[in-house]
Amino acid sequence: KSAEDKKQRRKTLLNAALELYKADSSHLPSVLQIAKASGLAKGTVYLYFKTKEEIFLAILEQMLSDYNATLCEQLSAHDYQSSESLTQSMVDTACAFLDAHPDMLQLISIQYNVLENNLHPGKVLLFISEISRQQLLVGEALDDIVPHLRPGNGAKLIWRTHALLCGLCQLISPPKKVADVYKELQAPYFMNGVVLEFRESMEAIWKSSLTKGSGALSGI
């Protein structure tokens, strides 16, 4: 098989796995289910991924890569005249992406207790290293357009924003059994949904961090 054929097969597997997860997000579909849905033999799946967790970590990595690329593109696409306009643009961009990719929120919510716990540490390290590399690039782009940010503080803001998203996903977009309990309790933060809570919190963090002299980030 050519490199292009292998790339296409891998994409087919990931798409089939995601569609199965969309149909029932209460659990990860098995390798056998993914193989059947993709029209491939089970053994073929194992040529690309050792476990179902590897498959879904690959899906999450691609989603986060697209998300980080979207943020980076937005930073370079405009000439921002104020920290307020920059904040509003980035909050809108991030939330629009999340609205368009609700499955990413579900996968983030199970990232630590399902995906990473059932993977070889080397796979987890590669995943974290790649996402961190992308976040650093977004941070460097932010440093370039905010003159009073010291080098590295843009990355700090991006990392904190990501931590905020992960925390909200864990709290507000949990597995179905936990979500059902939250609904019964009518917890206000749960009822608002991840994206709304993320919008409000991201806006507050960015406004504080990008205001010159606020001290919200060390060195400002």
C-alpha atoms as a PDB file:
ATOM      1  CA  LYS A   1       0.000   0.000   0.000  1.00  0.00           C
ATOM      2  CA  SER A   2       1.213   3.498  -0.781  1.00  0.00           C
ATOM      3  CA  ALA A   3       1.650   6.136   1.910  1.00  0.00           C
ATOM      4  CA  GLU A   4      -1.458   7.879   0.598  1.00  0.00           C
ATOM      5  CA  ASP A   5      -3.503   4.667   0.848  1.00  0.00           C
ATOM      6  CA  LYS A   6      -2.366   4.166   4.437  1.00  0.00           C
ATOM      7  CA  LYS A   7      -3.217   7.744   5.278  1.00  0.00           C
ATOM      8  CA  GLN A   8      -6.687   7.311   3.795  1.00  0.00           C
ATOM      9  CA  ARG A   9      -7.274   4.046   5.695  1.00  0.00           C
ATOM     10  CA  ARG A  10      -6.258   5.720   8.937  1.00  0.00           C
ATOM     11  CA  LYS A  11      -8.653   8.573   8.215  1.00  0.00           C
ATOM     12  CA  THR A  12     -11.430   6.075   7.436  1.00  0.00           C
ATOM     13  CA  LEU A  13     -10.864   4.351  10.780  1.00  0.00           C
ATOM     14  CA  LEU A  14     -10.924   7.620  12.717  1.00  0.00           C
ATOM     15  CA  ASN A  15     -14.081   8.806  10.950  1.00  0.00           C
ATOM     16  CA  ALA A  16     -15.858   5.507  11.607  1.00  0.00           C
ATOM     17  CA  ALA A  17     -14.851   5.568  15.274  1.00  0.00           C
ATOM     18  CA  LEU A  18     -16.073   9.130  15.709  1.00  0.00           C
ATOM     19  CA  GLU A  19     -19.422   8.389  14.082  1.00  0.00           C
ATOM     20  CA  LEU A  20     -19.920   5.419  16.419  1.00  0.00           C
ATOM     21  CA  TYR A  21     -19.061   7.595  19.409  1.00  0.00           C
ATOM     22  CA  LYS A  22     -21.494  10.279  18.260  1.00  0.00           C
ATOM     23  CA  ALA A  23     -24.237   7.640  18.146  1.00  0.00           C
ATOM     24  CA  ASP A  24     -23.514   6.531  21.727  1.00  0.00           C
ATOM     25  CA  SER A  25     -21.111   8.579  23.842  1.00  0.00           C
ATOM     26  CA  SER A  26     -21.731   6.506  26.989  1.00  0.00           C
ATOM     27  CA  HIS A  27     -18.708   4.368  26.115  1.00  0.00           C
ATOM     28  CA  LEU A  28     -15.961   3.978  23.540  1.00  0.00           C
ATOM     29  CA  PRO A  29     -16.841   1.572  20.720  1.00  0.00           C
ATOM     30  CA  SER A  30     -14.729  -1.557  20.510  1.00  0.00           C
ATOM     31  CA  VAL A  31     -12.046  -2.189  17.926  1.00  0.00           C
ATOM     32  CA  LEU A  32     -14.322  -4.811  16.362  1.00  0.00           C
ATOM     33  CA  GLN A  33     -17.178  -2.300  16.049  1.00  0.00           C
ATOM     34  CA  ILE A  34     -14.842   0.249  14.497  1.00  0.00           C
ATOM     35  CA  ALA A  35     -13.488  -2.337  12.051  1.00  0.00           C
ATOM     36  CA  LYS A  36     -17.001  -3.305  10.929  1.00  0.00           C
ATOM     37  CA  ALA A  37     -18.103   0.311  10.570  1.00  0.00           C
ATOM     38  CA  SER A  38     -15.066   1.155   8.475  1.00  0.00           C
ATOM     39  CA  GLY A  39     -15.362  -1.950   6.287  1.00  0.00           C
ATOM     40  CA  LEU A  40     -11.944  -3.218   7.333  1.00  0.00           C
ATOM     41  CA  ALA A  41     -10.734  -6.377   9.032  1.00  0.00           C
ATOM     42  CA  LYS A  42     -10.053  -6.222  12.782  1.00  0.00           C
ATOM     43  CA  GLY A  43      -6.446  -7.150  12.123  1.00  0.00           C
ATOM     44  CA  THR A  44      -6.096  -4.169   9.808  1.00  0.00           C
ATOM     45  CA  VAL A  45      -7.141  -1.818  12.602  1.00  0.00           C
ATOM     46  CA  TYR A  46      -4.329  -3.163  14.780  1.00  0.00           C
ATOM     47  CA  LEU A  47      -1.806  -2.261  12.101  1.00  0.00           C
ATOM     48  CA  TYR A  48      -2.633   1.387  12.819  1.00  0.00           C
ATOM     49  CA  PHE A  49      -3.707   1.399  16.475  1.00  0.00           C
ATOM     50  CA  LYS A  50      -3.054  -1.003  19.341  1.00  0.00           C
ATOM     51  CA  THR A  51      -6.154  -0.127  21.371  1.00  0.00           C
ATOM     52  CA  LYS A  52      -9.451   1.719  21.029  1.00  0.00           C
ATOM     53  CA  GLU A  53      -8.048   4.359  23.391  1.00  0.00           C
ATOM     54  CA  GLU A  54      -5.261   5.054  20.896  1.00  0.00           C
ATOM     55  CA  ILE A  55      -7.880   5.638  18.226  1.00  0.00           C
ATOM     56  CA  PHE A  56      -9.755   8.191  20.289  1.00  0.00           C
ATOM     57  CA  LEU A  57      -6.604   9.926  21.471  1.00  0.00           C
ATOM     58  CA  ALA A  58      -5.697  10.340  17.792  1.00  0.00           C
ATOM     59  CA  ILE A  59      -9.137  11.851  17.135  1.00  0.00           C
ATOM     60  CA  LEU A  60      -8.755  14.253  20.066  1.00  0.00           C
ATOM     61  CA  GLU A  61      -5.251  15.214  18.953  1.00  0.00           C
ATOM     62  CA  GLN A  62      -6.519  16.104  15.474  1.00  0.00           C
ATOM     63  CA  MET A  63      -9.370  18.148  16.916  1.00  0.00           C
ATOM     64  CA  LEU A  64      -7.080  20.050  19.272  1.00  0.00           C
ATOM     65  CA  SER A  65      -4.602  20.593  16.431  1.00  0.00           C
ATOM     66  CA  ASP A  66      -7.367  22.137  14.335  1.00  0.00           C
ATOM     67  CA  TYR A  67      -8.471  24.250  17.307  1.00  0.00           C
ATOM     68  CA  ASN A  68      -4.969  25.576  17.970  1.00  0.00           C
ATOM     69  CA  ALA A  69      -4.416  26.251  14.271  1.00  0.00           C
ATOM     70  CA  THR A  70      -7.676  28.211  14.181  1.00  0.00           C
ATOM     71  CA  LEU A  71      -6.545  30.372  17.113  1.00  0.00           C
ATOM     72  CA  CYS A  72      -3.154  30.967  15.504  1.00  0.00           C
ATOM     73  CA  GLU A  73      -4.735  31.950  12.189  1.00  0.00           C
ATOM     74  CA  GLN A  74      -7.075  34.380  13.929  1.00  0.00           C
ATOM     75  CA  LEU A  75      -4.165  36.045  15.716  1.00  0.00           C
ATOM     76  CA  SER A  76      -2.332  36.656  12.458  1.00  0.00           C
ATOM     77  CA  ALA A  77      -5.374  37.605  10.377  1.00  0.00           C
ATOM     78  CA  HIS A  78      -6.134  40.980  11.940  1.00  0.00           C
ATOM     79  CA  ASP A  79      -4.452  44.176  13.077  1.00  0.00           C
ATOM     80  CA  TYR A  80      -5.836  44.511  16.583  1.00  0.00           C
ATOM     81  CA  GLN A  81      -6.115  48.060  17.879  1.00  0.00           C
ATOM     82  CA  SER A  82      -6.766  47.225  21.522  1.00  0.00           C
ATOM     83  CA  SER A  83      -6.602  44.390  24.033  1.00  0.00           C
ATOM     84  CA  GLU A  84     -10.410  44.510  24.171  1.00  0.00           C
ATOM     85  CA  SER A  85     -10.812  43.856  20.446  1.00  0.00           C
ATOM     86  CA  LEU A  86      -8.193  41.113  20.609  1.00  0.00           C
ATOM     87  CA  THR A  87      -9.934  39.451  23.538  1.00  0.00           C
ATOM     88  CA  GLN A  88     -13.357  39.600  21.912  1.00  0.00           C
ATOM     89  CA  SER A  89     -12.053  38.207  18.637  1.00  0.00           C
ATOM     90  CA  MET A  90     -10.251  35.294  20.278  1.00  0.00           C
ATOM     91  CA  VAL A  91     -13.165  34.448  22.570  1.00  0.00           C
ATOM     92  CA  ASP A  92     -15.564  34.469  19.613  1.00  0.00           C
ATOM     93  CA  THR A  93     -13.197  32.332  17.529  1.00  0.00           C
ATOM     94  CA  ALA A  94     -12.632  29.768  20.265  1.00  0.00           C
ATOM     95  CA  CYS A  95     -16.320  29.459  21.105  1.00  0.00           C
ATOM     96  CA  ALA A  96     -17.355  29.192  17.455  1.00  0.00           C
ATOM     97  CA  PHE A  97     -14.960  26.275  17.065  1.00  0.00           C
ATOM     98  CA  LEU A  98     -16.283  24.569  20.200  1.00  0.00           C
ATOM     99  CA  ASP A  99     -19.888  25.038  19.075  1.00  0.00           C
ATOM    100  CA  ALA A 100     -18.991  23.368  15.779  1.00  0.00           C
ATOM    101  CA  HIS A 101     -17.150  20.474  17.473  1.00  0.00           C
ATOM    102  CA  PRO A 102     -19.193  19.301  20.486  1.00  0.00           C
ATOM    103  CA  ASP A 103     -17.595  15.860  20.266  1.00  0.00           C
ATOM    104  CA  MET A 104     -14.256  17.398  21.211  1.00  0.00           C
ATOM    105  CA  LEU A 105     -15.757  18.538  24.504  1.00  0.00           C
ATOM    106  CA  GLN A 106     -16.914  14.983  25.251  1.00  0.00           C
ATOM    107  CA  LEU A 107     -13.493  13.550  24.468  1.00  0.00           C
ATOM    108  CA  ILE A 108     -11.747  16.148  26.633  1.00  0.00           C
ATOM    109  CA  SER A 109     -14.068  15.191  29.493  1.00  0.00           C
ATOM    110  CA  ILE A 110     -12.831  11.568  29.397  1.00  0.00           C
ATOM    111  CA  GLN A 111      -9.247  12.359  28.427  1.00  0.00           C
ATOM    112  CA  TYR A 112      -7.674  11.676  31.813  1.00  0.00           C
ATOM    113  CA  ASN A 113      -9.796   8.970  33.415  1.00  0.00           C
ATOM    114  CA  VAL A 114     -10.440   6.875  30.290  1.00  0.00           C
ATOM    115  CA  LEU A 115      -8.068   7.634  27.447  1.00  0.00           C
ATOM    116  CA  GLU A 116      -4.736   8.326  29.093  1.00  0.00           C
ATOM    117  CA  ASN A 117      -5.156   5.716  31.848  1.00  0.00           C
ATOM    118  CA  ASN A 118      -5.464   2.928  29.282  1.00  0.00           C
ATOM    119  CA  LEU A 119      -2.548   3.882  27.067  1.00  0.00           C
ATOM    120  CA  HIS A 120       1.171   3.206  26.994  1.00  0.00           C
ATOM    121  CA  PRO A 121       2.957   6.118  28.719  1.00  0.00           C
ATOM    122  CA  GLY A 122       4.921   6.752  25.528  1.00  0.00           C
ATOM    123  CA  LYS A 123       1.713   7.437  23.594  1.00  0.00           C
ATOM    124  CA  VAL A 124       0.521   9.828  26.271  1.00  0.00           C
ATOM    125  CA  LEU A 125       3.858  11.644  26.247  1.00  0.00           C
ATOM    126  CA  LEU A 126       3.731  12.072  22.467  1.00  0.00           C
ATOM    127  CA  PHE A 127       0.186  13.421  22.680  1.00  0.00           C
ATOM    128  CA  ILE A 128       0.978  15.925  25.434  1.00  0.00           C
ATOM    129  CA  SER A 129       4.217  17.001  23.745  1.00  0.00           C
ATOM    130  CA  GLU A 130       2.484  17.686  20.436  1.00  0.00           C
ATOM    131  CA  ILE A 131      -0.386  19.664  21.945  1.00  0.00           C
ATOM    132  CA  SER A 132       2.078  21.647  24.086  1.00  0.00           C
ATOM    133  CA  ARG A 133       4.150  22.420  20.997  1.00  0.00           C
ATOM    134  CA  GLN A 134       1.091  23.772  19.225  1.00  0.00           C
ATOM    135  CA  GLN A 135       0.074  25.860  22.226  1.00  0.00           C
ATOM    136  CA  LEU A 136       3.554  27.323  22.389  1.00  0.00           C
ATOM    137  CA  LEU A 137       3.229  28.444  18.764  1.00  0.00           C
ATOM    138  CA  VAL A 138      -0.091  30.139  19.523  1.00  0.00           C
ATOM    139  CA  GLY A 139       1.500  31.771  22.536  1.00  0.00           C
ATOM    140  CA  GLU A 140       4.424  33.062  20.494  1.00  0.00           C
ATOM    141  CA  ALA A 141       1.984  34.583  18.006  1.00  0.00           C
ATOM    142  CA  LEU A 142       0.247  36.296  20.916  1.00  0.00           C
ATOM    143  CA  ASP A 143       3.550  37.616  22.253  1.00  0.00           C
ATOM    144  CA  ASP A 144       4.260  39.140  18.847  1.00  0.00           C
ATOM    145  CA  ILE A 145       1.105  41.253  18.742  1.00  0.00           C
ATOM    146  CA  VAL A 146       0.881  42.340  22.399  1.00  0.00           C
ATOM    147  CA  PRO A 147       3.933  44.564  22.961  1.00  0.00           C
ATOM    148  CA  HIS A 148       3.807  44.627  26.765  1.00  0.00           C
ATOM    149  CA  LEU A 149       3.789  40.830  27.118  1.00  0.00           C
ATOM    150  CA  ARG A 150       7.142  39.381  28.066  1.00  0.00           C
ATOM    151  CA  PRO A 151       8.298  36.413  25.969  1.00  0.00           C
ATOM    152  CA  GLY A 152       6.572  33.290  27.177  1.00  0.00           C
ATOM    153  CA  ASN A 153       3.601  35.013  28.783  1.00  0.00           C
ATOM    154  CA  GLY A 154       1.468  34.443  25.688  1.00  0.00           C
ATOM    155  CA  ALA A 155       2.020  30.702  26.079  1.00  0.00           C
ATOM    156  CA  LYS A 156       1.073  30.941  29.759  1.00  0.00           C
ATOM    157  CA  LEU A 157      -2.239  32.504  28.785  1.00  0.00           C
ATOM    158  CA  ILE A 158      -2.894  29.844  26.157  1.00  0.00           C
ATOM    159  CA  TRP A 159      -2.077  27.056  28.618  1.00  0.00           C
ATOM    160  CA  ARG A 160      -4.347  28.581  31.256  1.00  0.00           C
ATOM    161  CA  THR A 161      -7.126  28.883  28.700  1.00  0.00           C
ATOM    162  CA  HIS A 162      -6.708  25.215  27.806  1.00  0.00           C
ATOM    163  CA  ALA A 163      -6.717  24.232  31.488  1.00  0.00           C
ATOM    164  CA  LEU A 164      -9.945  26.184  31.898  1.00  0.00           C
ATOM    165  CA  LEU A 165     -11.520  24.317  28.985  1.00  0.00           C
ATOM    166  CA  CYS A 166     -10.409  20.918  30.311  1.00  0.00           C
ATOM    167  CA  GLY A 167     -11.741  21.678  33.779  1.00  0.00           C
ATOM    168  CA  LEU A 168     -15.114  22.841  32.497  1.00  0.00           C
ATOM    169  CA  CYS A 169     -15.428  19.795  30.250  1.00  0.00           C
ATOM    170  CA  GLN A 170     -14.730  17.494  33.196  1.00  0.00           C
ATOM    171  CA  LEU A 171     -17.284  19.283  35.355  1.00  0.00           C
ATOM    172  CA  ILE A 172     -20.027  20.144  32.882  1.00  0.00           C
ATOM    173  CA  SER A 173     -19.657  17.533  30.131  1.00  0.00           C
ATOM    174  CA  PRO A 174     -19.089  14.338  32.136  1.00  0.00           C
ATOM    175  CA  PRO A 175     -20.051  10.746  31.250  1.00  0.00           C
ATOM    176  CA  LYS A 176     -23.811  10.223  30.880  1.00  0.00           C
ATOM    177  CA  LYS A 177     -24.386   8.656  34.314  1.00  0.00           C
ATOM    178  CA  VAL A 178     -22.797  11.637  36.066  1.00  0.00           C
ATOM    179  CA  ALA A 179     -24.552  14.083  33.738  1.00  0.00           C
ATOM    180  CA  ASP A 180     -27.924  12.553  34.651  1.00  0.00           C
ATOM    181  CA  VAL A 181     -27.234  13.203  38.336  1.00  0.00           C
ATOM    182  CA  TYR A 182     -26.322  16.813  37.596  1.00  0.00           C
ATOM    183  CA  LYS A 183     -29.549  17.265  35.676  1.00  0.00           C
ATOM    184  CA  GLU A 184     -31.576  15.912  38.583  1.00  0.00           C
ATOM    185  CA  LEU A 185     -29.839  18.379  40.895  1.00  0.00           C
ATOM    186  CA  GLN A 186     -30.401  21.174  38.357  1.00  0.00           C
ATOM    187  CA  ALA A 187     -26.900  22.491  39.060  1.00  0.00           C
ATOM    188  CA  PRO A 188     -26.787  26.000  37.514  1.00  0.00           C
ATOM    189  CA  TYR A 189     -23.263  25.692  36.141  1.00  0.00           C
ATOM    190  CA  PHE A 190     -24.196  22.430  34.445  1.00  0.00           C
ATOM    191  CA  MET A 191     -27.365  23.814  32.927  1.00  0.00           C
ATOM    192  CA  ASN A 192     -25.462  26.674  31.271  1.00  0.00           C
ATOM    193  CA  GLY A 193     -23.323  24.308  29.210  1.00  0.00           C
ATOM    194  CA  VAL A 194     -19.593  24.224  28.600  1.00  0.00           C
ATOM    195  CA  VAL A 195     -19.342  26.831  25.850  1.00  0.00           C
ATOM    196  CA  LEU A 196     -21.278  29.545  27.692  1.00  0.00           C
ATOM    197  CA  GLU A 197     -19.285  29.061  30.885  1.00  0.00           C
ATOM    198  CA  PHE A 198     -16.072  28.927  28.861  1.00  0.00           C
ATOM    199  CA  ARG A 199     -16.944  32.154  27.035  1.00  0.00           C
ATOM    200  CA  GLU A 200     -17.535  34.091  30.229  1.00  0.00           C
ATOM    201  CA  SER A 201     -14.460  32.701  31.984  1.00  0.00           C
ATOM    202  CA  MET A 202     -12.106  33.048  29.000  1.00  0.00           C
ATOM    203  CA  GLU A 203     -13.195  36.640  28.490  1.00  0.00           C
ATOM    204  CA  ALA A 204     -12.489  37.476  32.134  1.00  0.00           C
ATOM    205  CA  ILE A 205      -9.056  35.809  32.092  1.00  0.00           C
ATOM    206  CA  TRP A 206      -7.969  37.411  28.831  1.00  0.00           C
ATOM    207  CA  LYS A 207      -9.178  40.895  29.760  1.00  0.00           C
ATOM    208  CA  SER A 208      -7.294  40.730  33.034  1.00  0.00           C
ATOM    209  CA  SER A 209      -4.152  39.221  31.533  1.00  0.00           C
ATOM    210  CA  LEU A 210      -3.900  41.563  28.535  1.00  0.00           C
ATOM    211  CA  THR A 211      -4.553  44.793  30.421  1.00  0.00           C
ATOM    212  CA  LYS A 212      -1.228  46.528  30.781  1.00  0.00           C
ATOM    213  CA  GLY A 213      -0.189  46.841  34.390  1.00  0.00           C
ATOM    214  CA  SER A 214      -2.782  44.400  35.674  1.00  0.00           C
ATOM    215  CA  GLY A 215      -0.142  41.944  36.847  1.00  0.00           C
ATOM    216  CA  ALA A 216      -2.397  39.015  35.961  1.00  0.00           C
ATOM    217  CA  LEU A 217       0.564  37.398  34.211  1.00  0.00           C
ATOM    218  CA  SER A 218       3.983  37.584  35.797  1.00  0.00           C
ATOM    219  CA  GLY A 219       6.037  40.331  34.227  1.00  0.00           C
ATOM    220  CA  ILE A 220       3.242  42.464  32.792  1.00  0.00           C
END
